[in-house]
Structures are given as structure tokens and as C-alpha cells.
Amino acid sequence: MSSDWRTDAAAHAAACVPNEACGLVVVVKGRERYWPCRNLAVGSTHFILDPLDFAAAEDVGEVTAVFHSHPSTPAEPSQPDLMACELSGLPWHILNPRTNTWGGCQPTGYVAPLIGRQWVWGVSDCWTLARDWYAQHNLPLRDWDRPTTPELFTASPIFDASWSDAGFIELPEHTSIEPGDALLMSIVDPGLNHVGVYVGDNLVLHHLRNRLSSRDMYGDWLRKCTGRRLRHPDFPRL
């Protein structure tokens, strides 16, 4: 381990190319150290920092920053990076190991637009979008601890066991949907693995996996995918 955490982080990033590396800056006995972490993401365009590695880092010192690499893009924070930085409450450092250029960001209160968000599991996904939409309409909803990876969620979706705890009630079969109603859907895989919000004018706001968030027509396909239609009694009618 070198005396400069950036040297160790850069070596880790170079070893992980073409995938993203991730790690933490930890103060141990008064010195900053780099703590490499496992990236649980499938693919090379994002990272999921192993929560067990984060917990291990907290056991040895104080975590003061998050590090990850951009092996194929500039060392500038992406939209999901900015969102995740806000969630972490920590500064983020970014390195492009091919060009050896550094960038980063800090929590500043950034809020992503509802339309056109990039999809990143646990940071910018369908439930994140739904929560943010409801929050903009003065209805705060709890977040849920996701399984570590989207693959684990696909194997065992949590939505059908969670909606009542969030305060929603299911609409009777012949009740018409209204703006602000939530729609639980099965997309591609079995189980209710997707949520959207009906926003009126036959439009649904939702965020499909590996696509940008969008407002789409609630047509035949989405209707066929819908398994539950939910309403929150505290939602102010539009």
C-alpha cells in the first residue's frame, strides 16, 4: 500500500479495465488509505459497490469518499453518479485510467429530471422515479432496501410484498384509474417487477431497465403487463 491513496486507486482501476473499479477512501490512524471494493455489477458501464466491503471499511476507519473509474468515458460525473453522490452524502472521485485524468463531485442537492434519466440499479430505477414523482406532489414514500443486484431482484421481486406497507390500497377491478395511481407490472420476467405512475391523459411515467425514464402511452402492452392498480389515500387529487 502506497502513502498516496490515489496511486493505489489508479492501480486498481487499471487492473479492472474494461470494467469499472470501485473503492473507498478511508481514514485509518490519521492517514487516508484506499480500500478496494468488489464491483457486483454485470457489464462494464456502471458499478455496484459490495455493501459487505463498505461495512468492512467502516470497521477499520472512517469512510470519507467514494472512488470509481470511467474506463471508456471522461472522468466527469454521470447523471447517476450525481444522484448516487447525493444518496451517499460523501464526495466522489472519478478516474479515467486510460487518460489518467481525474474528476469528481460532491453533494449539492442535485435532483435529476423525471424524464430522460439513465437507469442504474438502486440509484435511478423505477421505484426511485416513482418516489421522486410522488415527492414532487407532496407525498413522501419510504424507500426499500433492494437486493444487492437487479438479477437477485428479478429472481424474487419485492413489490408485491411492499405496496401495502407503503400505504397503497388496491383498486377494485372495475374502478377507473386516476392521475397519481401506481401500476405494478410484469415486464419480460415473471412476477410484479416494475412500477409506473399513471399521470393522466392515458400516460404512464416509468423507468424500464436499461432505458431512459419516459412518459409513455398506457396502451395495450402496458395494460396487459399490469398486475395491480394501486391508490394512496394521502395522495392529493390532481
C-alpha atoms as a PDB file:
ATOM      1  CA  MET A   1       0.000   0.000   0.000  1.00  0.00           C
ATOM      2  CA  SER A   2       1.448   3.358  -1.010  1.00  0.00           C
ATOM      3  CA  SER A   3       1.296   6.548   1.022  1.00  0.00           C
ATOM      4  CA  ASP A   4      -0.980   8.166  -1.587  1.00  0.00           C
ATOM      5  CA  TRP A   5      -4.446   6.643  -1.874  1.00  0.00           C
ATOM      6  CA  ARG A   6      -4.758   7.940  -5.444  1.00  0.00           C
ATOM      7  CA  THR A   7      -1.814   5.784  -6.554  1.00  0.00           C
ATOM      8  CA  ASP A   8      -3.474   2.670  -5.170  1.00  0.00           C
ATOM      9  CA  ALA A   9      -6.846   3.633  -6.635  1.00  0.00           C
ATOM     10  CA  ALA A  10      -5.284   4.195 -10.070  1.00  0.00           C
ATOM     11  CA  ALA A  11      -3.601   0.788  -9.945  1.00  0.00           C
ATOM     12  CA  HIS A  12      -6.907  -0.831  -9.040  1.00  0.00           C
ATOM     13  CA  ALA A  13      -8.687   0.997 -11.871  1.00  0.00           C
ATOM     14  CA  ALA A  14      -6.072  -0.070 -14.414  1.00  0.00           C
ATOM     15  CA  ALA A  15      -6.342  -3.693 -13.318  1.00  0.00           C
ATOM     16  CA  CYS A  16     -10.136  -3.669 -13.783  1.00  0.00           C
ATOM     17  CA  VAL A  17     -10.230  -2.297 -17.365  1.00  0.00           C
ATOM     18  CA  PRO A  18     -12.543  -2.642 -19.290  1.00  0.00           C
ATOM     19  CA  ASN A  19     -14.831  -2.788 -16.250  1.00  0.00           C
ATOM     20  CA  GLU A  20     -15.319  -0.033 -13.707  1.00  0.00           C
ATOM     21  CA  ALA A  21     -13.356  -0.251 -10.482  1.00  0.00           C
ATOM     22  CA  CYS A  22     -14.799   0.995  -7.215  1.00  0.00           C
ATOM     23  CA  GLY A  23     -13.490   1.616  -3.761  1.00  0.00           C
ATOM     24  CA  LEU A  24     -13.450   3.910  -0.763  1.00  0.00           C
ATOM     25  CA  VAL A  25     -11.168   6.463   0.811  1.00  0.00           C
ATOM     26  CA  VAL A  26     -10.811   5.591   4.482  1.00  0.00           C
ATOM     27  CA  VAL A  27      -9.016   7.465   7.247  1.00  0.00           C
ATOM     28  CA  VAL A  28      -7.054   4.901   9.264  1.00  0.00           C
ATOM     29  CA  LYS A  29      -4.901   6.076  12.165  1.00  0.00           C
ATOM     30  CA  GLY A  30      -4.900   9.607  10.830  1.00  0.00           C
ATOM     31  CA  ARG A  31      -3.976   8.751   7.228  1.00  0.00           C
ATOM     32  CA  GLU A  32      -6.054   8.399   4.073  1.00  0.00           C
ATOM     33  CA  ARG A  33      -5.976   4.887   2.654  1.00  0.00           C
ATOM     34  CA  TYR A  34      -7.576   3.371  -0.409  1.00  0.00           C
ATOM     35  CA  TRP A  35      -9.943   0.478   0.249  1.00  0.00           C
ATOM     36  CA  PRO A  36     -10.646  -1.518  -2.937  1.00  0.00           C
ATOM     37  CA  CYS A  37     -14.168  -2.925  -3.186  1.00  0.00           C
ATOM     38  CA  ARG A  38     -15.804  -5.514  -5.383  1.00  0.00           C
ATOM     39  CA  ASN A  39     -17.990  -4.305  -8.218  1.00  0.00           C
ATOM     40  CA  LEU A  40     -21.072  -6.534  -8.283  1.00  0.00           C
ATOM     41  CA  ALA A  41     -22.487  -5.050 -11.488  1.00  0.00           C
ATOM     42  CA  VAL A  42     -22.853  -7.175 -14.593  1.00  0.00           C
ATOM     43  CA  GLY A  43     -21.297  -5.306 -17.524  1.00  0.00           C
ATOM     44  CA  SER A  44     -18.759  -2.529 -17.829  1.00  0.00           C
ATOM     45  CA  THR A  45     -20.831   0.657 -17.814  1.00  0.00           C
ATOM     46  CA  HIS A  46     -21.603   1.091 -14.101  1.00  0.00           C
ATOM     47  CA  PHE A  47     -20.770  -0.250 -10.681  1.00  0.00           C
ATOM     48  CA  ILE A  48     -22.467  -1.706  -7.624  1.00  0.00           C
ATOM     49  CA  LEU A  49     -20.152  -1.410  -4.646  1.00  0.00           C
ATOM     50  CA  ASP A  50     -20.356  -4.522  -2.487  1.00  0.00           C
ATOM     51  CA  PRO A  51     -22.061  -3.468   0.783  1.00  0.00           C
ATOM     52  CA  LEU A  52     -20.017  -6.047   2.694  1.00  0.00           C
ATOM     53  CA  ASP A  53     -16.842  -4.289   1.569  1.00  0.00           C
ATOM     54  CA  PHE A  54     -18.288  -0.952   2.694  1.00  0.00           C
ATOM     55  CA  ALA A  55     -19.073  -2.417   6.111  1.00  0.00           C
ATOM     56  CA  ALA A  56     -15.551  -3.858   6.367  1.00  0.00           C
ATOM     57  CA  ALA A  57     -14.063  -0.433   5.578  1.00  0.00           C
ATOM     58  CA  GLU A  58     -16.172   1.158   8.308  1.00  0.00           C
ATOM     59  CA  ASP A  59     -14.779  -1.380  10.766  1.00  0.00           C
ATOM     60  CA  VAL A  60     -11.206  -0.176  10.245  1.00  0.00           C
ATOM     61  CA  GLY A  61     -11.670   3.579   9.911  1.00  0.00           C
ATOM     62  CA  GLU A  62     -13.867   6.448   8.768  1.00  0.00           C
ATOM     63  CA  VAL A  63     -15.078   6.392   5.175  1.00  0.00           C
ATOM     64  CA  THR A  64     -14.587   9.881   3.746  1.00  0.00           C
ATOM     65  CA  ALA A  65     -15.121   9.443  -0.012  1.00  0.00           C
ATOM     66  CA  VAL A  66     -16.198   7.073  -2.782  1.00  0.00           C
ATOM     67  CA  PHE A  67     -13.987   6.236  -5.768  1.00  0.00           C
ATOM     68  CA  HIS A  68     -14.804   4.657  -9.102  1.00  0.00           C
ATOM     69  CA  SER A  69     -13.373   4.617 -12.592  1.00  0.00           C
ATOM     70  CA  HIS A  70     -14.694   5.524 -16.025  1.00  0.00           C
ATOM     71  CA  PRO A  71     -12.553   3.323 -18.299  1.00  0.00           C
ATOM     72  CA  SER A  72     -14.308   4.338 -21.530  1.00  0.00           C
ATOM     73  CA  THR A  73     -15.775   7.783 -20.787  1.00  0.00           C
ATOM     74  CA  PRO A  74     -14.380  11.087 -19.474  1.00  0.00           C
ATOM     75  CA  ALA A  75     -13.785  11.369 -15.741  1.00  0.00           C
ATOM     76  CA  GLU A  76     -16.854  13.539 -15.298  1.00  0.00           C
ATOM     77  CA  PRO A  77     -19.802  12.511 -13.127  1.00  0.00           C
ATOM     78  CA  SER A  78     -22.710  10.979 -14.999  1.00  0.00           C
ATOM     79  CA  GLN A  79     -26.291  11.731 -14.035  1.00  0.00           C
ATOM     80  CA  PRO A  80     -26.495   8.518 -11.939  1.00  0.00           C
ATOM     81  CA  ASP A  81     -23.173   9.455 -10.327  1.00  0.00           C
ATOM     82  CA  LEU A  82     -24.653  12.783  -9.223  1.00  0.00           C
ATOM     83  CA  MET A  83     -27.750  11.039  -7.877  1.00  0.00           C
ATOM     84  CA  ALA A  84     -25.747   8.394  -6.017  1.00  0.00           C
ATOM     85  CA  CYS A  85     -23.397  11.029  -4.634  1.00  0.00           C
ATOM     86  CA  GLU A  86     -26.388  12.758  -3.052  1.00  0.00           C
ATOM     87  CA  LEU A  87     -27.545   9.476  -1.531  1.00  0.00           C
ATOM     88  CA  SER A  88     -24.110   8.727  -0.112  1.00  0.00           C
ATOM     89  CA  GLY A  89     -23.566  12.153   1.431  1.00  0.00           C
ATOM     90  CA  LEU A  90     -19.871  11.820   0.537  1.00  0.00           C
ATOM     91  CA  PRO A  91     -17.506  13.331  -2.039  1.00  0.00           C
ATOM     92  CA  TRP A  92     -16.923  11.169  -5.120  1.00  0.00           C
ATOM     93  CA  HIS A  93     -13.649  10.813  -7.020  1.00  0.00           C
ATOM     94  CA  ILE A  94     -13.582   9.541 -10.614  1.00  0.00           C
ATOM     95  CA  LEU A  95     -10.603   8.413 -12.714  1.00  0.00           C
ATOM     96  CA  ASN A  96     -10.289   7.564 -16.383  1.00  0.00           C
ATOM     97  CA  PRO A  97      -7.389   5.064 -16.193  1.00  0.00           C
ATOM     98  CA  ARG A  98      -6.678   5.257 -19.918  1.00  0.00           C
ATOM     99  CA  THR A  99      -6.021   9.009 -19.877  1.00  0.00           C
ATOM    100  CA  ASN A 100      -5.081   9.302 -16.186  1.00  0.00           C
ATOM    101  CA  THR A 101      -7.490  12.198 -15.740  1.00  0.00           C
ATOM    102  CA  TRP A 102      -9.438  12.813 -12.559  1.00  0.00           C
ATOM    103  CA  GLY A 103     -12.859  14.293 -11.884  1.00  0.00           C
ATOM    104  CA  GLY A 104     -15.485  14.117  -9.212  1.00  0.00           C
ATOM    105  CA  CYS A 105     -18.449  15.645  -7.456  1.00  0.00           C
ATOM    106  CA  GLN A 106     -19.847  16.473  -4.034  1.00  0.00           C
ATOM    107  CA  PRO A 107     -23.379  16.515  -2.614  1.00  0.00           C
ATOM    108  CA  THR A 108     -25.012  19.792  -3.613  1.00  0.00           C
ATOM    109  CA  GLY A 109     -28.720  18.972  -3.507  1.00  0.00           C
ATOM    110  CA  TYR A 110     -28.854  17.723  -7.102  1.00  0.00           C
ATOM    111  CA  VAL A 111     -32.233  16.368  -8.238  1.00  0.00           C
ATOM    112  CA  ALA A 112     -32.428  14.623 -11.608  1.00  0.00           C
ATOM    113  CA  PRO A 113     -35.230  15.476 -14.055  1.00  0.00           C
ATOM    114  CA  LEU A 114     -38.014  12.910 -14.172  1.00  0.00           C
ATOM    115  CA  ILE A 115     -37.736  12.352 -17.927  1.00  0.00           C
ATOM    116  CA  GLY A 116     -34.557  11.043 -19.553  1.00  0.00           C
ATOM    117  CA  ARG A 117     -32.858   9.544 -16.505  1.00  0.00           C
ATOM    118  CA  GLN A 118     -30.274   6.852 -17.075  1.00  0.00           C
ATOM    119  CA  TRP A 119     -31.071   3.523 -15.447  1.00  0.00           C
ATOM    120  CA  VAL A 120     -28.838   2.339 -12.614  1.00  0.00           C
ATOM    121  CA  TRP A 121     -29.978  -0.244 -10.108  1.00  0.00           C
ATOM    122  CA  GLY A 122     -30.799   1.160  -6.671  1.00  0.00           C
ATOM    123  CA  VAL A 123     -29.888   4.691  -7.711  1.00  0.00           C
ATOM    124  CA  SER A 124     -32.052   5.535 -10.691  1.00  0.00           C
ATOM    125  CA  ASP A 125     -34.626   2.798 -11.255  1.00  0.00           C
ATOM    126  CA  CYS A 126     -38.406   2.508 -11.487  1.00  0.00           C
ATOM    127  CA  TRP A 127     -39.088   2.826  -7.755  1.00  0.00           C
ATOM    128  CA  THR A 128     -36.691   5.788  -7.480  1.00  0.00           C
ATOM    129  CA  LEU A 129     -38.627   7.554 -10.230  1.00  0.00           C
ATOM    130  CA  ALA A 130     -41.999   6.797  -8.637  1.00  0.00           C
ATOM    131  CA  ARG A 131     -40.842   8.057  -5.237  1.00  0.00           C
ATOM    132  CA  ASP A 132     -39.458  11.251  -6.748  1.00  0.00           C
ATOM    133  CA  TRP A 133     -42.712  11.901  -8.631  1.00  0.00           C
ATOM    134  CA  TYR A 134     -44.797  11.426  -5.504  1.00  0.00           C
ATOM    135  CA  ALA A 135     -42.389  13.607  -3.507  1.00  0.00           C
ATOM    136  CA  GLN A 136     -42.907  16.413  -6.021  1.00  0.00           C
ATOM    137  CA  HIS A 137     -46.633  16.074  -5.267  1.00  0.00           C
ATOM    138  CA  ASN A 138     -46.107  16.325  -1.508  1.00  0.00           C
ATOM    139  CA  LEU A 139     -46.388  12.621  -0.781  1.00  0.00           C
ATOM    140  CA  PRO A 140     -43.126  11.258   0.653  1.00  0.00           C
ATOM    141  CA  LEU A 141     -42.854   7.487   0.419  1.00  0.00           C
ATOM    142  CA  ARG A 142     -40.337   5.213   2.098  1.00  0.00           C
ATOM    143  CA  ASP A 143     -37.536   3.692   0.120  1.00  0.00           C
ATOM    144  CA  TRP A 144     -36.829  -0.023   0.136  1.00  0.00           C
ATOM    145  CA  ASP A 145     -33.585  -1.880   0.571  1.00  0.00           C
ATOM    146  CA  ARG A 146     -33.093  -3.512  -2.810  1.00  0.00           C
ATOM    147  CA  PRO A 147     -31.430  -6.883  -3.244  1.00  0.00           C
ATOM    148  CA  THR A 148     -27.770  -6.283  -3.994  1.00  0.00           C
ATOM    149  CA  THR A 149     -28.120  -6.765  -7.751  1.00  0.00           C
ATOM    150  CA  PRO A 150     -31.002  -6.479 -10.233  1.00  0.00           C
ATOM    151  CA  GLU A 151     -30.551 -10.161 -11.054  1.00  0.00           C
ATOM    152  CA  LEU A 152     -31.450 -11.073  -7.462  1.00  0.00           C
ATOM    153  CA  PHE A 153     -34.488  -8.805  -7.666  1.00  0.00           C
ATOM    154  CA  THR A 154     -35.609 -10.437 -10.906  1.00  0.00           C
ATOM    155  CA  ALA A 155     -35.466 -13.832  -9.205  1.00  0.00           C
ATOM    156  CA  SER A 156     -37.594 -12.579  -6.306  1.00  0.00           C
ATOM    157  CA  PRO A 157     -39.364  -9.230  -6.880  1.00  0.00           C
ATOM    158  CA  ILE A 158     -40.282  -7.378  -3.690  1.00  0.00           C
ATOM    159  CA  PHE A 159     -43.018  -5.063  -4.949  1.00  0.00           C
ATOM    160  CA  ASP A 160     -45.959  -7.346  -4.250  1.00  0.00           C
ATOM    161  CA  ALA A 161     -44.872  -7.706  -0.626  1.00  0.00           C
ATOM    162  CA  SER A 162     -44.260  -3.977  -0.160  1.00  0.00           C
ATOM    163  CA  TRP A 163     -47.073  -1.886  -1.620  1.00  0.00           C
ATOM    164  CA  SER A 164     -49.447  -2.158   1.336  1.00  0.00           C
ATOM    165  CA  ASP A 165     -46.663  -1.181   3.764  1.00  0.00           C
ATOM    166  CA  ALA A 166     -46.169   1.979   1.690  1.00  0.00           C
ATOM    167  CA  GLY A 167     -49.803   2.913   2.336  1.00  0.00           C
ATOM    168  CA  PHE A 168     -51.330   1.934  -1.012  1.00  0.00           C
ATOM    169  CA  ILE A 169     -54.655   0.179  -1.414  1.00  0.00           C
ATOM    170  CA  GLU A 170     -55.622  -1.944  -4.406  1.00  0.00           C
ATOM    171  CA  LEU A 171     -58.310  -0.639  -6.720  1.00  0.00           C
ATOM    172  CA  PRO A 172     -61.367  -2.812  -7.319  1.00  0.00           C
ATOM    173  CA  GLU A 173     -61.401  -4.425 -10.748  1.00  0.00           C
ATOM    174  CA  HIS A 174     -63.829  -2.040 -12.445  1.00  0.00           C
ATOM    175  CA  THR A 175     -62.614   1.199 -10.846  1.00  0.00           C
ATOM    176  CA  SER A 176     -61.157   3.678 -13.334  1.00  0.00           C
ATOM    177  CA  ILE A 177     -57.587   4.763 -12.727  1.00  0.00           C
ATOM    178  CA  GLU A 178     -56.844   8.395 -11.904  1.00  0.00           C
ATOM    179  CA  PRO A 179     -53.695  10.536 -12.015  1.00  0.00           C
ATOM    180  CA  GLY A 180     -51.466   9.510  -9.140  1.00  0.00           C
ATOM    181  CA  ASP A 181     -52.369   5.822  -9.190  1.00  0.00           C
ATOM    182  CA  ALA A 182     -49.475   3.360  -9.171  1.00  0.00           C
ATOM    183  CA  LEU A 183     -49.311   0.426 -11.555  1.00  0.00           C
ATOM    184  CA  LEU A 184     -47.422  -2.769 -10.720  1.00  0.00           C
ATOM    185  CA  MET A 185     -46.394  -4.668 -13.829  1.00  0.00           C
ATOM    186  CA  SER A 186     -44.646  -7.795 -15.019  1.00  0.00           C
ATOM    187  CA  ILE A 187     -42.104  -6.812 -17.672  1.00  0.00           C
ATOM    188  CA  VAL A 188     -40.459  -9.703 -19.584  1.00  0.00           C
ATOM    189  CA  ASP A 189     -39.777 -11.789 -16.455  1.00  0.00           C
ATOM    190  CA  PRO A 190     -42.469 -13.290 -14.199  1.00  0.00           C
ATOM    191  CA  GLY A 191     -43.587 -11.522 -11.042  1.00  0.00           C
ATOM    192  CA  LEU A 192     -44.513  -7.908 -10.444  1.00  0.00           C
ATOM    193  CA  ASN A 193     -41.077  -6.473 -11.167  1.00  0.00           C
ATOM    194  CA  HIS A 194     -41.896  -2.958 -12.391  1.00  0.00           C
ATOM    195  CA  VAL A 195     -43.786   0.103 -11.145  1.00  0.00           C
ATOM    196  CA  GLY A 196     -45.132   3.109 -13.022  1.00  0.00           C
ATOM    197  CA  VAL A 197     -47.323   6.078 -12.152  1.00  0.00           C
ATOM    198  CA  TYR A 198     -50.393   6.994 -14.140  1.00  0.00           C
ATOM    199  CA  VAL A 199     -50.114  10.747 -14.723  1.00  0.00           C
ATOM    200  CA  GLY A 200     -53.291  11.349 -16.741  1.00  0.00           C
ATOM    201  CA  ASP A 201     -54.083  11.725 -20.447  1.00  0.00           C
ATOM    202  CA  ASN A 202     -53.525   7.963 -20.846  1.00  0.00           C
ATOM    203  CA  LEU A 203     -49.818   8.367 -19.976  1.00  0.00           C
ATOM    204  CA  VAL A 204     -47.600   6.410 -17.597  1.00  0.00           C
ATOM    205  CA  LEU A 205     -44.357   7.693 -16.117  1.00  0.00           C
ATOM    206  CA  HIS A 206     -41.933   4.809 -15.655  1.00  0.00           C
ATOM    207  CA  HIS A 207     -38.334   3.682 -15.969  1.00  0.00           C
ATOM    208  CA  LEU A 208     -37.681   0.421 -17.772  1.00  0.00           C
ATOM    209  CA  ARG A 209     -34.452  -1.422 -17.086  1.00  0.00           C
ATOM    210  CA  ASN A 210     -31.533  -0.243 -19.230  1.00  0.00           C
ATOM    211  CA  ARG A 211     -33.604   2.521 -20.843  1.00  0.00           C
ATOM    212  CA  LEU A 212     -34.161   6.193 -20.114  1.00  0.00           C
ATOM    213  CA  SER A 213     -37.100   7.152 -17.916  1.00  0.00           C
ATOM    214  CA  SER A 214     -40.055   8.173 -20.038  1.00  0.00           C
ATOM    215  CA  ARG A 215     -43.720   9.084 -20.178  1.00  0.00           C
ATOM    216  CA  ASP A 216     -45.431   6.551 -22.450  1.00  0.00           C
ATOM    217  CA  MET A 217     -48.912   5.799 -23.664  1.00  0.00           C
ATOM    218  CA  TYR A 218     -50.781   3.385 -21.440  1.00  0.00           C
ATOM    219  CA  GLY A 219     -51.631   1.183 -24.384  1.00  0.00           C
ATOM    220  CA  ASP A 220     -52.391  -2.479 -24.888  1.00  0.00           C
ATOM    221  CA  TRP A 221     -48.930  -3.784 -23.999  1.00  0.00           C
ATOM    222  CA  LEU A 222     -48.592  -1.937 -20.687  1.00  0.00           C
ATOM    223  CA  ARG A 223     -52.188  -2.747 -19.785  1.00  0.00           C
ATOM    224  CA  LYS A 224     -51.530  -6.443 -20.372  1.00  0.00           C
ATOM    225  CA  CYS A 225     -48.403  -6.209 -18.215  1.00  0.00           C
ATOM    226  CA  THR A 226     -50.289  -4.575 -15.324  1.00  0.00           C
ATOM    227  CA  GLY A 227     -50.969  -6.897 -12.399  1.00  0.00           C
ATOM    228  CA  ARG A 228     -52.135  -4.451  -9.725  1.00  0.00           C
ATOM    229  CA  ARG A 229     -53.547  -0.935  -9.775  1.00  0.00           C
ATOM    230  CA  LEU A 230     -52.922   0.954  -6.550  1.00  0.00           C
ATOM    231  CA  ARG A 231     -54.075   4.197  -4.977  1.00  0.00           C
ATOM    232  CA  HIS A 232     -52.645   6.061  -2.000  1.00  0.00           C
ATOM    233  CA  PRO A 233     -55.323   7.646   0.220  1.00  0.00           C
ATOM    234  CA  ASP A 234     -52.986  10.509   1.129  1.00  0.00           C
ATOM    235  CA  PHE A 235     -52.248  11.489  -2.439  1.00  0.00           C
ATOM    236  CA  PRO A 236     -53.777  14.906  -3.246  1.00  0.00           C
ATOM    237  CA  ARG A 237     -56.115  14.507  -6.179  1.00  0.00           C
ATOM    238  CA  LEU A 238     -54.876  16.384  -9.239  1.00  0.00           C
END
